[in-house]
């Protein structure tokens, strides 16, 4: 089974460092990471989209879900294939 997280981070410029701490905490289960944000005329978008493919470790995934749920400005969905 493959697990994919689709995450939207609001106010990314102010919160990206804190958010990165969560990703670092679960870095051992993150297989693929893709970060997307709009940029025009040198101005960065206030939100970002992060796509994560994680390895199947239920305990770690549950911990990451809890941390994401408790992080203000994050919305996410999980897809399991």
Protein backbone atom coordinates (compact mmCIF):
# COMPACT_ATOMS: atom_id res chain seq x y z
CA UNK A 1 0.00 0.00 0.00
CA UNK A 2 1.13 3.54 -0.79
CA UNK A 3 0.14 6.51 1.40
CA UNK A 4 0.11 10.04 -0.04
CA UNK A 5 -0.46 13.22 1.98
CA UNK A 6 -1.73 16.35 0.23
CA UNK A 7 -1.07 19.31 2.54
CA UNK A 8 -1.96 23.00 2.18
CA UNK A 9 -0.02 25.39 4.40
CA UNK A 10 -1.48 28.88 4.93
CA UNK A 11 0.73 31.85 5.81
CA UNK A 12 3.66 29.84 4.57
CA UNK A 13 6.23 32.62 4.87
CA UNK A 14 5.69 32.92 8.65
CA UNK A 15 5.01 29.25 9.41
CA UNK A 16 7.35 27.36 7.09
CA UNK A 17 10.14 26.98 9.67
CA UNK A 18 7.76 25.52 12.27
CA UNK A 19 6.17 23.29 9.64
CA UNK A 20 9.61 22.06 8.56
CA UNK A 21 10.16 20.84 12.12
CA UNK A 22 7.22 18.45 11.70
CA UNK A 23 8.61 17.15 8.41
CA UNK A 24 12.03 16.67 9.99
CA UNK A 25 10.47 14.77 12.92
CA UNK A 26 8.96 12.27 10.46
CA UNK A 27 11.73 12.42 7.88
CA UNK A 28 12.53 8.73 8.21
CA UNK A 29 9.14 7.77 6.75
CA UNK A 30 8.98 10.43 4.00
CA UNK A 31 9.92 8.73 0.77
CA UNK A 32 9.05 11.56 -1.64
CA UNK A 33 8.40 15.26 -1.01
CA UNK A 34 7.18 17.85 -3.50
CA UNK A 35 6.59 21.47 -2.53
CA UNK A 36 4.62 23.86 -4.75
CA UNK A 37 3.80 27.55 -4.43
CA UNK A 38 2.81 30.30 -6.82
CA UNK A 39 5.24 33.07 -7.57
CA UNK A 40 4.81 36.08 -9.81
CA UNK A 41 6.95 39.19 -10.26
CA UNK A 42 9.21 38.07 -7.42
CA UNK A 43 6.36 37.88 -4.89
CA UNK A 44 5.85 34.54 -3.17
CA UNK A 45 2.40 33.12 -2.57
CA UNK A 46 1.16 33.18 1.04
CA UNK A 47 0.26 29.48 0.84
CA UNK A 48 2.02 26.35 -0.27
CA UNK A 49 1.07 22.84 -1.31
CA UNK A 50 3.16 19.90 -0.14
CA UNK A 51 2.77 16.36 -1.46
CA UNK A 52 4.33 13.57 0.58
CA UNK A 53 4.67 9.89 -0.16
CA UNK A 54 5.32 8.05 3.09
CA UNK A 55 6.38 4.50 3.85
CA UNK A 56 3.90 2.36 5.72
CA UNK A 57 4.60 2.76 9.40
CA UNK A 58 1.22 3.10 11.08
CA UNK A 59 2.56 4.42 14.37
CA UNK A 60 4.63 7.17 12.70
CA UNK A 61 1.82 8.06 10.28
CA UNK A 62 -0.63 8.40 13.18
CA UNK A 63 1.83 10.69 14.97
CA UNK A 64 2.27 12.84 11.86
CA UNK A 65 -1.52 13.07 11.42
CA UNK A 66 -1.88 14.31 15.02
CA UNK A 67 0.89 16.88 14.59
CA UNK A 68 -0.66 18.15 11.33
CA UNK A 69 -4.12 18.35 12.90
CA UNK A 70 -2.71 20.48 15.72
CA UNK A 71 -0.77 22.82 13.42
CA UNK A 72 -2.67 26.05 12.78
CA UNK A 73 -3.01 26.86 9.09
CA UNK A 74 -2.69 23.30 7.78
CA UNK A 75 -5.34 21.42 5.83
CA UNK A 76 -4.59 17.97 4.53
CA UNK A 77 -6.02 14.85 2.94
CA UNK A 78 -4.63 11.35 2.81
CA UNK A 79 -4.85 9.00 -0.12
CA UNK A 80 -4.07 5.30 0.22
CA UNK A 81 -3.53 3.23 -2.90
